[in-house]
mmCIF file of all heavy atoms, coordinates in Angstrom:
data_MODEL
# 
_entry.id   MODEL 
# 
loop_
_atom_site.group_PDB 
_atom_site.id 
_atom_site.type_symbol 
_atom_site.label_atom_id 
_atom_site.label_alt_id 
_atom_site.label_comp_id 
_atom_site.label_asym_id 
_atom_site.label_entity_id 
_atom_site.label_seq_id 
_atom_site.pdbx_PDB_ins_code 
_atom_site.Cartn_x 
_atom_site.Cartn_y 
_atom_site.Cartn_z 
_atom_site.occupancy 
_atom_site.B_iso_or_equiv 
_atom_site.pdbx_formal_charge 
_atom_site.auth_seq_id 
_atom_site.auth_comp_id 
_atom_site.auth_asym_id 
_atom_site.auth_atom_id 
_atom_site.pdbx_PDB_model_num 
ATOM 1   N N   . ASP A 1 1  ? 105.620 111.987 85.611  1.00 0.00 ? 1  ASP A N   1 
ATOM 2   C CA  . ASP A 1 1  ? 106.869 112.741 85.694  1.00 0.00 ? 1  ASP A CA  1 
ATOM 3   C C   . ASP A 1 1  ? 108.061 111.830 86.061  1.00 0.00 ? 1  ASP A C   1 
ATOM 4   O O   . ASP A 1 1  ? 109.226 112.333 86.240  1.00 0.00 ? 1  ASP A O   1 
ATOM 5   C CB  . ASP A 1 1  ? 106.747 113.940 86.720  1.00 0.00 ? 1  ASP A CB  1 
ATOM 6   C CG  . ASP A 1 1  ? 106.446 113.325 88.158  1.00 0.00 ? 1  ASP A CG  1 
ATOM 7   O OD1 . ASP A 1 1  ? 106.393 112.119 88.368  1.00 0.00 ? 1  ASP A OD1 1 
ATOM 8   O OD2 . ASP A 1 1  ? 106.376 114.206 89.118  1.00 0.00 ? 1  ASP A OD2 1 
ATOM 9   N N   . GLY A 1 2  ? 107.892 110.562 86.133  1.00 0.00 ? 2  GLY A N   1 
ATOM 10  C CA  . GLY A 1 2  ? 108.909 109.603 86.435  1.00 0.00 ? 2  GLY A CA  1 
ATOM 11  C C   . GLY A 1 2  ? 109.152 109.250 87.860  1.00 0.00 ? 2  GLY A C   1 
ATOM 12  O O   . GLY A 1 2  ? 109.916 108.390 88.205  1.00 0.00 ? 2  GLY A O   1 
ATOM 13  N N   . ALA A 1 3  ? 108.359 109.859 88.763  1.00 0.00 ? 3  ALA A N   1 
ATOM 14  C CA  . ALA A 1 3  ? 108.434 109.442 90.221  1.00 0.00 ? 3  ALA A CA  1 
ATOM 15  C C   . ALA A 1 3  ? 107.962 108.013 90.440  1.00 0.00 ? 3  ALA A C   1 
ATOM 16  O O   . ALA A 1 3  ? 107.056 107.524 89.685  1.00 0.00 ? 3  ALA A O   1 
ATOM 17  C CB  . ALA A 1 3  ? 107.578 110.449 91.028  1.00 0.00 ? 3  ALA A CB  1 
ATOM 18  N N   . ILE A 1 4  ? 108.639 107.331 91.392  1.00 0.00 ? 4  ILE A N   1 
ATOM 19  C CA  . ILE A 1 4  ? 108.444 105.911 91.532  1.00 0.00 ? 4  ILE A CA  1 
ATOM 20  C C   . ILE A 1 4  ? 108.020 105.637 92.981  1.00 0.00 ? 4  ILE A C   1 
ATOM 21  O O   . ILE A 1 4  ? 108.613 106.208 93.935  1.00 0.00 ? 4  ILE A O   1 
ATOM 22  C CB  . ILE A 1 4  ? 109.710 105.131 91.234  1.00 0.00 ? 4  ILE A CB  1 
ATOM 23  C CG1 . ILE A 1 4  ? 110.010 105.246 89.758  1.00 0.00 ? 4  ILE A CG1 1 
ATOM 24  C CG2 . ILE A 1 4  ? 109.596 103.706 91.651  1.00 0.00 ? 4  ILE A CG2 1 
ATOM 25  C CD1 . ILE A 1 4  ? 109.079 104.529 88.805  1.00 0.00 ? 4  ILE A CD1 1 
ATOM 26  N N   . VAL A 1 5  ? 107.020 104.750 93.158  1.00 0.00 ? 5  VAL A N   1 
ATOM 27  C CA  . VAL A 1 5  ? 106.784 104.080 94.479  1.00 0.00 ? 5  VAL A CA  1 
ATOM 28  C C   . VAL A 1 5  ? 106.781 102.624 94.216  1.00 0.00 ? 5  VAL A C   1 
ATOM 29  O O   . VAL A 1 5  ? 106.148 102.093 93.289  1.00 0.00 ? 5  VAL A O   1 
ATOM 30  C CB  . VAL A 1 5  ? 105.401 104.564 94.983  1.00 0.00 ? 5  VAL A CB  1 
ATOM 31  C CG1 . VAL A 1 5  ? 105.020 103.691 96.210  1.00 0.00 ? 5  VAL A CG1 1 
ATOM 32  C CG2 . VAL A 1 5  ? 105.376 106.008 95.298  1.00 0.00 ? 5  VAL A CG2 1 
ATOM 33  N N   . ALA A 1 6  ? 107.573 101.894 95.020  1.00 0.00 ? 6  ALA A N   1 
ATOM 34  C CA  . ALA A 1 6  ? 107.715 100.482 94.879  1.00 0.00 ? 6  ALA A CA  1 
ATOM 35  C C   . ALA A 1 6  ? 107.076 99.770  96.053  1.00 0.00 ? 6  ALA A C   1 
ATOM 36  O O   . ALA A 1 6  ? 107.157 100.207 97.203  1.00 0.00 ? 6  ALA A O   1 
ATOM 37  C CB  . ALA A 1 6  ? 109.169 100.014 94.779  1.00 0.00 ? 6  ALA A CB  1 
ATOM 38  N N   . ILE A 1 7  ? 106.343 98.704  95.771  1.00 0.00 ? 7  ILE A N   1 
ATOM 39  C CA  . ILE A 1 7  ? 105.454 98.030  96.786  1.00 0.00 ? 7  ILE A CA  1 
ATOM 40  C C   . ILE A 1 7  ? 105.733 96.499  96.774  1.00 0.00 ? 7  ILE A C   1 
ATOM 41  O O   . ILE A 1 7  ? 105.738 95.892  95.703  1.00 0.00 ? 7  ILE A O   1 
ATOM 42  C CB  . ILE A 1 7  ? 103.935 98.300  96.612  1.00 0.00 ? 7  ILE A CB  1 
ATOM 43  C CG1 . ILE A 1 7  ? 103.713 99.859  96.555  1.00 0.00 ? 7  ILE A CG1 1 
ATOM 44  C CG2 . ILE A 1 7  ? 103.148 97.602  97.575  1.00 0.00 ? 7  ILE A CG2 1 
ATOM 45  C CD1 . ILE A 1 7  ? 102.321 100.173 96.181  1.00 0.00 ? 7  ILE A CD1 1 
ATOM 46  N N   . GLU A 1 8  ? 106.017 95.964  97.922  1.00 0.00 ? 8  GLU A N   1 
ATOM 47  C CA  . GLU A 1 8  ? 105.955 94.548  98.152  1.00 0.00 ? 8  GLU A CA  1 
ATOM 48  C C   . GLU A 1 8  ? 104.843 94.115  98.981  1.00 0.00 ? 8  GLU A C   1 
ATOM 49  O O   . GLU A 1 8  ? 104.361 94.920  99.849  1.00 0.00 ? 8  GLU A O   1 
ATOM 50  C CB  . GLU A 1 8  ? 107.287 94.134  98.940  1.00 0.00 ? 8  GLU A CB  1 
ATOM 51  C CG  . GLU A 1 8  ? 108.559 94.090  98.012  1.00 0.00 ? 8  GLU A CG  1 
ATOM 52  C CD  . GLU A 1 8  ? 108.560 92.848  97.138  1.00 0.00 ? 8  GLU A CD  1 
ATOM 53  O OE1 . GLU A 1 8  ? 108.952 91.787  97.620  1.00 0.00 ? 8  GLU A OE1 1 
ATOM 54  O OE2 . GLU A 1 8  ? 108.169 93.020  95.950  1.00 0.00 ? 8  GLU A OE2 1 
ATOM 55  N N   . ILE A 1 9  ? 104.307 93.009  98.730  1.00 0.00 ? 9  ILE A N   1 
ATOM 56  C CA  . ILE A 1 9  ? 103.066 92.542  99.466  1.00 0.00 ? 9  ILE A CA  1 
ATOM 57  C C   . ILE A 1 9  ? 103.420 91.098  99.952  1.00 0.00 ? 9  ILE A C   1 
ATOM 58  O O   . ILE A 1 9  ? 103.723 90.175  99.219  1.00 0.00 ? 9  ILE A O   1 
ATOM 59  C CB  . ILE A 1 9  ? 101.878 92.448  98.430  1.00 0.00 ? 9  ILE A CB  1 
ATOM 60  C CG1 . ILE A 1 9  ? 101.604 93.820  97.758  1.00 0.00 ? 9  ILE A CG1 1 
ATOM 61  C CG2 . ILE A 1 9  ? 100.666 91.976  99.135  1.00 0.00 ? 9  ILE A CG2 1 
ATOM 62  C CD1 . ILE A 1 9  ? 101.088 93.745  96.373  1.00 0.00 ? 9  ILE A CD1 1 
ATOM 63  N N   . LYS A 1 10 ? 103.227 90.986  101.309 1.00 0.00 ? 10 LYS A N   1 
ATOM 64  C CA  . LYS A 1 10 ? 103.608 89.638  101.887 1.00 0.00 ? 10 LYS A CA  1 
ATOM 65  C C   . LYS A 1 10 ? 102.491 89.262  102.882 1.00 0.00 ? 10 LYS A C   1 
ATOM 66  O O   . LYS A 1 10 ? 101.946 90.008  103.617 1.00 0.00 ? 10 LYS A O   1 
ATOM 67  C CB  . LYS A 1 10 ? 104.918 89.754  102.752 1.00 0.00 ? 10 LYS A CB  1 
ATOM 68  C CG  . LYS A 1 10 ? 106.137 90.229  101.884 1.00 0.00 ? 10 LYS A CG  1 
ATOM 69  C CD  . LYS A 1 10 ? 106.450 89.130  100.834 1.00 0.00 ? 10 LYS A CD  1 
ATOM 70  C CE  . LYS A 1 10 ? 107.792 89.559  100.042 1.00 0.00 ? 10 LYS A CE  1 
ATOM 71  N NZ  . LYS A 1 10 ? 108.073 88.595  98.971  1.00 0.00 ? 10 LYS A NZ  1 
ATOM 72  N N   . ALA A 1 11 ? 102.209 87.880  102.839 1.00 0.00 ? 11 ALA A N   1 
ATOM 73  C CA  . ALA A 1 11 ? 101.266 87.374  103.733 1.00 0.00 ? 11 ALA A CA  1 
ATOM 74  C C   . ALA A 1 11 ? 101.883 87.036  105.044 1.00 0.00 ? 11 ALA A C   1 
ATOM 75  O O   . ALA A 1 11 ? 101.855 85.868  105.555 1.00 0.00 ? 11 ALA A O   1 
ATOM 76  C CB  . ALA A 1 11 ? 100.607 86.117  103.154 1.00 0.00 ? 11 ALA A CB  1 
ATOM 77  N N   . THR A 1 12 ? 102.564 88.022  105.683 1.00 0.00 ? 12 THR A N   1 
ATOM 78  C CA  . THR A 1 12 ? 103.187 87.843  107.007 1.00 0.00 ? 12 THR A CA  1 
ATOM 79  C C   . THR A 1 12 ? 102.701 88.805  107.999 1.00 0.00 ? 12 THR A C   1 
ATOM 80  O O   . THR A 1 12 ? 102.368 89.934  107.714 1.00 0.00 ? 12 THR A O   1 
ATOM 81  C CB  . THR A 1 12 ? 104.712 87.935  106.851 1.00 0.00 ? 12 THR A CB  1 
ATOM 82  O OG1 . THR A 1 12 ? 105.363 87.785  108.107 1.00 0.00 ? 12 THR A OG1 1 
ATOM 83  C CG2 . THR A 1 12 ? 105.128 89.371  106.331 1.00 0.00 ? 12 THR A CG2 1 
ATOM 84  N N   . SER A 1 13 ? 102.499 88.287  109.196 1.00 0.00 ? 13 SER A N   1 
ATOM 85  C CA  . SER A 1 13 ? 102.174 89.223  110.336 1.00 0.00 ? 13 SER A CA  1 
ATOM 86  C C   . SER A 1 13 ? 103.459 89.617  111.089 1.00 0.00 ? 13 SER A C   1 
ATOM 87  O O   . SER A 1 13 ? 103.312 90.279  112.190 1.00 0.00 ? 13 SER A O   1 
ATOM 88  C CB  . SER A 1 13 ? 101.226 88.426  111.248 1.00 0.00 ? 13 SER A CB  1 
ATOM 89  O OG  . SER A 1 13 ? 99.999  88.125  110.634 1.00 0.00 ? 13 SER A OG  1 
ATOM 90  N N   . SER A 1 14 ? 104.630 89.206  110.605 1.00 0.00 ? 14 SER A N   1 
ATOM 91  C CA  . SER A 1 14 ? 105.866 89.570  111.335 1.00 0.00 ? 14 SER A CA  1 
ATOM 92  C C   . SER A 1 14 ? 106.825 90.156  110.323 1.00 0.00 ? 14 SER A C   1 
ATOM 93  O O   . SER A 1 14 ? 107.871 89.576  109.983 1.00 0.00 ? 14 SER A O   1 
ATOM 94  C CB  . SER A 1 14 ? 106.501 88.299  111.977 1.00 0.00 ? 14 SER A CB  1 
ATOM 95  O OG  . SER A 1 14 ? 105.608 87.647  112.822 1.00 0.00 ? 14 SER A OG  1 
ATOM 96  N N   . PRO A 1 15 ? 106.522 91.402  109.823 1.00 0.00 ? 15 PRO A N   1 
ATOM 97  C CA  . PRO A 1 15 ? 107.310 92.026  108.752 1.00 0.00 ? 15 PRO A CA  1 
ATOM 98  C C   . PRO A 1 15 ? 108.703 92.532  109.304 1.00 0.00 ? 15 PRO A C   1 
ATOM 99  O O   . PRO A 1 15 ? 108.752 92.894  110.434 1.00 0.00 ? 15 PRO A O   1 
ATOM 100 C CB  . PRO A 1 15 ? 106.478 93.195  108.315 1.00 0.00 ? 15 PRO A CB  1 
ATOM 101 C CG  . PRO A 1 15 ? 105.654 93.523  109.477 1.00 0.00 ? 15 PRO A CG  1 
ATOM 102 C CD  . PRO A 1 15 ? 105.340 92.245  110.209 1.00 0.00 ? 15 PRO A CD  1 
ATOM 103 N N   . THR A 1 16 ? 109.594 92.438  108.477 1.00 0.00 ? 16 THR A N   1 
ATOM 104 C CA  . THR A 1 16 ? 110.946 92.970  108.804 1.00 0.00 ? 16 THR A CA  1 
ATOM 105 C C   . THR A 1 16 ? 111.510 93.805  107.693 1.00 0.00 ? 16 THR A C   1 
ATOM 106 O O   . THR A 1 16 ? 110.979 93.780  106.546 1.00 0.00 ? 16 THR A O   1 
ATOM 107 C CB  . THR A 1 16 ? 111.949 91.838  109.120 1.00 0.00 ? 16 THR A CB  1 
ATOM 108 O OG1 . THR A 1 16 ? 112.266 91.151  107.852 1.00 0.00 ? 16 THR A OG1 1 
ATOM 109 C CG2 . THR A 1 16 ? 111.428 90.822  110.038 1.00 0.00 ? 16 THR A CG2 1 
ATOM 110 N N   . ARG A 1 17 ? 112.551 94.550  107.949 1.00 0.00 ? 17 ARG A N   1 
ATOM 111 C CA  . ARG A 1 17 ? 113.179 95.396  106.914 1.00 0.00 ? 17 ARG A CA  1 
ATOM 112 C C   . ARG A 1 17 ? 113.740 94.489  105.786 1.00 0.00 ? 17 ARG A C   1 
ATOM 113 O O   . ARG A 1 17 ? 113.800 94.928  104.659 1.00 0.00 ? 17 ARG A O   1 
ATOM 114 C CB  . ARG A 1 17 ? 114.348 96.229  107.512 1.00 0.00 ? 17 ARG A CB  1 
ATOM 115 C CG  . ARG A 1 17 ? 114.991 97.029  106.517 1.00 0.00 ? 17 ARG A CG  1 
ATOM 116 C CD  . ARG A 1 17 ? 116.036 97.881  107.155 1.00 0.00 ? 17 ARG A CD  1 
ATOM 117 N NE  . ARG A 1 17 ? 116.804 98.706  106.138 1.00 0.00 ? 17 ARG A NE  1 
ATOM 118 C CZ  . ARG A 1 17 ? 117.604 99.681  106.386 1.00 0.00 ? 17 ARG A CZ  1 
ATOM 119 N NH1 . ARG A 1 17 ? 117.777 100.162 107.604 1.00 0.00 ? 17 ARG A NH1 1 
ATOM 120 N NH2 . ARG A 1 17 ? 118.248 100.365 105.425 1.00 0.00 ? 17 ARG A NH2 1 
ATOM 121 N N   . GLY A 1 18 ? 114.091 93.225  106.135 1.00 0.00 ? 18 GLY A N   1 
ATOM 122 C CA  . GLY A 1 18 ? 114.561 92.354  105.108 1.00 0.00 ? 18 GLY A CA  1 
ATOM 123 C C   . GLY A 1 18 ? 113.650 92.107  104.009 1.00 0.00 ? 18 GLY A C   1 
ATOM 124 O O   . GLY A 1 18 ? 114.017 91.793  102.886 1.00 0.00 ? 18 GLY A O   1 
ATOM 125 N N   . HIS A 1 19 ? 112.291 92.226  104.267 1.00 0.00 ? 19 HIS A N   1 
ATOM 126 C CA  . HIS A 1 19 ? 111.291 91.975  103.237 1.00 0.00 ? 19 HIS A CA  1 
ATOM 127 C C   . HIS A 1 19 ? 111.384 93.080  102.174 1.00 0.00 ? 19 HIS A C   1 
ATOM 128 O O   . HIS A 1 19 ? 110.796 92.900  101.090 1.00 0.00 ? 19 HIS A O   1 
ATOM 129 C CB  . HIS A 1 19 ? 109.896 91.988  103.826 1.00 0.00 ? 19 HIS A CB  1 
ATOM 130 C CG  . HIS A 1 19 ? 109.631 90.763  104.591 1.00 0.00 ? 19 HIS A CG  1 
ATOM 131 N ND1 . HIS A 1 19 ? 109.317 90.748  105.887 1.00 0.00 ? 19 HIS A ND1 1 
ATOM 132 C CD2 . HIS A 1 19 ? 109.546 89.453  104.179 1.00 0.00 ? 19 HIS A CD2 1 
ATOM 133 C CE1 . HIS A 1 19 ? 109.096 89.472  106.309 1.00 0.00 ? 19 HIS A CE1 1 
ATOM 134 N NE2 . HIS A 1 19 ? 109.181 88.693  105.274 1.00 0.00 ? 19 HIS A NE2 1 
ATOM 135 N N   . LEU A 1 20 ? 112.055 94.229  102.527 1.00 0.00 ? 20 LEU A N   1 
ATOM 136 C CA  . LEU A 1 20 ? 112.198 95.275  101.539 1.00 0.00 ? 20 LEU A CA  1 
ATOM 137 C C   . LEU A 1 20 ? 113.605 95.375  100.889 1.00 0.00 ? 20 LEU A C   1 
ATOM 138 O O   . LEU A 1 20 ? 113.957 96.422  100.390 1.00 0.00 ? 20 LEU A O   1 
ATOM 139 C CB  . LEU A 1 20 ? 111.877 96.656  102.280 1.00 0.00 ? 20 LEU A CB  1 
ATOM 140 C CG  . LEU A 1 20 ? 110.386 96.922  102.543 1.00 0.00 ? 20 LEU A CG  1 
ATOM 141 C CD1 . LEU A 1 20 ? 110.248 98.052  103.456 1.00 0.00 ? 20 LEU A CD1 1 
ATOM 142 C CD2 . LEU A 1 20 ? 109.608 97.156  101.196 1.00 0.00 ? 20 LEU A CD2 1 
ATOM 143 N N   . SER A 1 21 ? 114.271 94.281  100.959 1.00 0.00 ? 21 SER A N   1 
ATOM 144 C CA  . SER A 1 21 ? 115.711 94.350  100.439 1.00 0.00 ? 21 SER A CA  1 
ATOM 145 C C   . SER A 1 21 ? 115.714 94.634  98.938  1.00 0.00 ? 21 SER A C   1 
ATOM 146 O O   . SER A 1 21 ? 116.552 95.422  98.526  1.00 0.00 ? 21 SER A O   1 
ATOM 147 C CB  . SER A 1 21 ? 116.355 93.007  100.732 1.00 0.00 ? 21 SER A CB  1 
ATOM 148 O OG  . SER A 1 21 ? 115.697 91.929  100.120 1.00 0.00 ? 21 SER A OG  1 
ATOM 149 N N   . GLN A 1 22 ? 114.826 94.053  98.150  1.00 0.00 ? 22 GLN A N   1 
ATOM 150 C CA  . GLN A 1 22 ? 114.835 94.288  96.763  1.00 0.00 ? 22 GLN A CA  1 
ATOM 151 C C   . GLN A 1 22 ? 114.388 95.752  96.438  1.00 0.00 ? 22 GLN A C   1 
ATOM 152 O O   . GLN A 1 22 ? 114.916 96.412  95.523  1.00 0.00 ? 22 GLN A O   1 
ATOM 153 C CB  . GLN A 1 22 ? 113.914 93.390  95.988  1.00 0.00 ? 22 GLN A CB  1 
ATOM 154 C CG  . GLN A 1 22 ? 114.106 91.906  96.305  1.00 0.00 ? 22 GLN A CG  1 
ATOM 155 C CD  . GLN A 1 22 ? 115.569 91.468  95.992  1.00 0.00 ? 22 GLN A CD  1 
ATOM 156 O OE1 . GLN A 1 22 ? 116.163 91.926  95.065  1.00 0.00 ? 22 GLN A OE1 1 
ATOM 157 N NE2 . GLN A 1 22 ? 116.053 90.585  96.817  1.00 0.00 ? 22 GLN A NE2 1 
ATOM 158 N N   . VAL A 1 23 ? 113.394 96.290  97.246  1.00 0.00 ? 23 VAL A N   1 
ATOM 159 C CA  . VAL A 1 23 ? 113.028 97.652  97.021  1.00 0.00 ? 23 VAL A CA  1 
ATOM 160 C C   . VAL A 1 23 ? 114.224 98.620  97.427  1.00 0.00 ? 23 VAL A C   1 
ATOM 161 O O   . VAL A 1 23 ? 114.367 99.622  96.744  1.00 0.00 ? 23 VAL A O   1 
ATOM 162 C CB  . VAL A 1 23 ? 111.742 97.941  97.977  1.00 0.00 ? 23 VAL A CB  1 
ATOM 163 C CG1 . VAL A 1 23 ? 111.430 99.415  97.947  1.00 0.00 ? 23 VAL A CG1 1 
ATOM 164 C CG2 . VAL A 1 23 ? 110.577 97.099  97.437  1.00 0.00 ? 23 VAL A CG2 1 
ATOM 165 N N   . GLY A 1 24 ? 114.888 98.239  98.477  1.00 0.00 ? 24 GLY A N   1 
ATOM 166 C CA  . GLY A 1 24 ? 116.096 99.056  98.824  1.00 0.00 ? 24 GLY A CA  1 
ATOM 167 C C   . GLY A 1 24 ? 117.158 99.130  97.731  1.00 0.00 ? 24 GLY A C   1 
ATOM 168 O O   . GLY A 1 24 ? 117.729 100.165 97.537  1.00 0.00 ? 24 GLY A O   1 
ATOM 169 N N   . TRP A 1 25 ? 117.274 97.983  97.037  1.00 0.00 ? 25 TRP A N   1 
ATOM 170 C CA  . TRP A 1 25 ? 118.256 97.918  95.962  1.00 0.00 ? 25 TRP A CA  1 
ATOM 171 C C   . TRP A 1 25 ? 117.740 98.873  94.825  1.00 0.00 ? 25 TRP A C   1 
ATOM 172 O O   . TRP A 1 25 ? 118.545 99.633  94.266  1.00 0.00 ? 25 TRP A O   1 
ATOM 173 C CB  . TRP A 1 25 ? 118.267 96.478  95.356  1.00 0.00 ? 25 TRP A CB  1 
ATOM 174 C CG  . TRP A 1 25 ? 119.035 96.481  94.055  1.00 0.00 ? 25 TRP A CG  1 
ATOM 175 C CD1 . TRP A 1 25 ? 120.372 96.489  93.859  1.00 0.00 ? 25 TRP A CD1 1 
ATOM 176 C CD2 . TRP A 1 25 ? 118.400 96.543  92.723  1.00 0.00 ? 25 TRP A CD2 1 
ATOM 177 N NE1 . TRP A 1 25 ? 120.649 96.431  92.450  1.00 0.00 ? 25 TRP A NE1 1 
ATOM 178 C CE2 . TRP A 1 25 ? 119.451 96.509  91.815  1.00 0.00 ? 25 TRP A CE2 1 
ATOM 179 C CE3 . TRP A 1 25 ? 117.065 96.582  92.312  1.00 0.00 ? 25 TRP A CE3 1 
ATOM 180 C CZ2 . TRP A 1 25 ? 119.183 96.555  90.375  1.00 0.00 ? 25 TRP A CZ2 1 
ATOM 181 C CZ3 . TRP A 1 25 ? 116.785 96.604  90.937  1.00 0.00 ? 25 TRP A CZ3 1 
ATOM 182 C CH2 . TRP A 1 25 ? 117.832 96.572  90.076  1.00 0.00 ? 25 TRP A CH2 1 
ATOM 183 N N   . LEU A 1 26 ? 116.491 98.860  94.547  1.00 0.00 ? 26 LEU A N   1 
ATOM 184 C CA  . LEU A 1 26 ? 115.898 99.759  93.498  1.00 0.00 ? 26 LEU A CA  1 
ATOM 185 C C   . LEU A 1 26 ? 116.098 101.256 93.933  1.00 0.00 ? 26 LEU A C   1 
ATOM 186 O O   . LEU A 1 26 ? 116.467 102.048 93.121  1.00 0.00 ? 26 LEU A O   1 
ATOM 187 C CB  . LEU A 1 26 ? 114.461 99.431  93.253  1.00 0.00 ? 26 LEU A CB  1 
ATOM 188 C CG  . LEU A 1 26 ? 113.803 100.324 92.174  1.00 0.00 ? 26 LEU A CG  1 
ATOM 189 C CD1 . LEU A 1 26 ? 114.395 100.142 90.814  1.00 0.00 ? 26 LEU A CD1 1 
ATOM 190 C CD2 . LEU A 1 26 ? 112.241 100.045 92.179  1.00 0.00 ? 26 LEU A CD2 1 
ATOM 191 N N   . ARG A 1 27 ? 115.833 101.565 95.166  1.00 0.00 ? 27 ARG A N   1 
ATOM 192 C CA  . ARG A 1 27 ? 116.068 102.873 95.664  1.00 0.00 ? 27 ARG A CA  1 
ATOM 193 C C   . ARG A 1 27 ? 117.523 103.349 95.429  1.00 0.00 ? 27 ARG A C   1 
ATOM 194 O O   . ARG A 1 27 ? 117.744 104.441 94.845  1.00 0.00 ? 27 ARG A O   1 
ATOM 195 C CB  . ARG A 1 27 ? 115.778 102.915 97.164  1.00 0.00 ? 27 ARG A CB  1 
ATOM 196 C CG  . ARG A 1 27 ? 116.090 104.275 97.800  1.00 0.00 ? 27 ARG A CG  1 
ATOM 197 C CD  . ARG A 1 27 ? 116.273 104.114 99.304  1.00 0.00 ? 27 ARG A CD  1 
ATOM 198 N NE  . ARG A 1 27 ? 117.310 103.193 99.621  1.00 0.00 ? 27 ARG A NE  1 
ATOM 199 C CZ  . ARG A 1 27 ? 117.565 102.650 100.789 1.00 0.00 ? 27 ARG A CZ  1 
ATOM 200 N NH1 . ARG A 1 27 ? 116.736 102.871 101.817 1.00 0.00 ? 27 ARG A NH1 1 
ATOM 201 N NH2 . ARG A 1 27 ? 118.615 101.821 100.991 1.00 0.00 ? 27 ARG A NH2 1 
ATOM 202 N N   . ASP A 1 28 ? 118.413 102.465 95.786  1.00 0.00 ? 28 ASP A N   1 
ATOM 203 C CA  . ASP A 1 28 ? 119.867 102.858 95.658  1.00 0.00 ? 28 ASP A CA  1 
ATOM 204 C C   . ASP A 1 28 ? 120.217 103.024 94.214  1.00 0.00 ? 28 ASP A C   1 
ATOM 205 O O   . ASP A 1 28 ? 121.006 103.976 93.743  1.00 0.00 ? 28 ASP A O   1 
ATOM 206 C CB  . ASP A 1 28 ? 120.778 101.820 96.321  1.00 0.00 ? 28 ASP A CB  1 
ATOM 207 C CG  . ASP A 1 28 ? 120.537 101.795 97.796  1.00 0.00 ? 28 ASP A CG  1 
ATOM 208 O OD1 . ASP A 1 28 ? 120.047 102.721 98.405  1.00 0.00 ? 28 ASP A OD1 1 
ATOM 209 O OD2 . ASP A 1 28 ? 120.957 100.765 98.396  1.00 0.00 ? 28 ASP A OD2 1 
ATOM 210 N N   . ARG A 1 29 ? 119.686 102.168 93.338  1.00 0.00 ? 29 ARG A N   1 
ATOM 211 C CA  . ARG A 1 29 ? 120.033 102.241 91.880  1.00 0.00 ? 29 ARG A CA  1 
ATOM 212 C C   . ARG A 1 29 ? 119.456 103.515 91.285  1.00 0.00 ? 29 ARG A C   1 
ATOM 213 O O   . ARG A 1 29 ? 120.124 104.184 90.525  1.00 0.00 ? 29 ARG A O   1 
ATOM 214 C CB  . ARG A 1 29 ? 119.400 100.984 91.241  1.00 0.00 ? 29 ARG A CB  1 
ATOM 215 C CG  . ARG A 1 29 ? 119.522 100.923 89.739  1.00 0.00 ? 29 ARG A CG  1 
ATOM 216 C CD  . ARG A 1 29 ? 120.865 100.658 89.282  1.00 0.00 ? 29 ARG A CD  1 
ATOM 217 N NE  . ARG A 1 29 ? 121.007 100.389 87.895  1.00 0.00 ? 29 ARG A NE  1 
ATOM 218 C CZ  . ARG A 1 29 ? 122.093 100.418 87.134  1.00 0.00 ? 29 ARG A CZ  1 
ATOM 219 N NH1 . ARG A 1 29 ? 123.174 100.755 87.730  1.00 0.00 ? 29 ARG A NH1 1 
ATOM 220 N NH2 . ARG A 1 29 ? 122.102 100.136 85.848  1.00 0.00 ? 29 ARG A NH2 1 
ATOM 221 N N   . LEU A 1 30 ? 118.167 103.816 91.639  1.00 0.00 ? 30 LEU A N   1 
ATOM 222 C CA  . LEU A 1 30 ? 117.640 105.012 91.068  1.00 0.00 ? 30 LEU A CA  1 
ATOM 223 C C   . LEU A 1 30 ? 118.269 106.321 91.601  1.00 0.00 ? 30 LEU A C   1 
ATOM 224 O O   . LEU A 1 30 ? 118.427 107.298 90.917  1.00 0.00 ? 30 LEU A O   1 
ATOM 225 C CB  . LEU A 1 30 ? 116.107 105.069 91.370  1.00 0.00 ? 30 LEU A CB  1 
ATOM 226 C CG  . LEU A 1 30 ? 115.242 104.048 90.498  1.00 0.00 ? 30 LEU A CG  1 
ATOM 227 C CD1 . LEU A 1 30 ? 113.836 104.166 90.971  1.00 0.00 ? 30 LEU A CD1 1 
ATOM 228 C CD2 . LEU A 1 30 ? 115.360 104.413 89.045  1.00 0.00 ? 30 LEU A CD2 1 
# 
């Protein structure tokens, strides 16, 4: 139906919101 889930995968034990910056861009665009 066009619904989207975007996933980033990082080998970090110290995740931050910054790791989702590209996903946030896609959210705003959509």
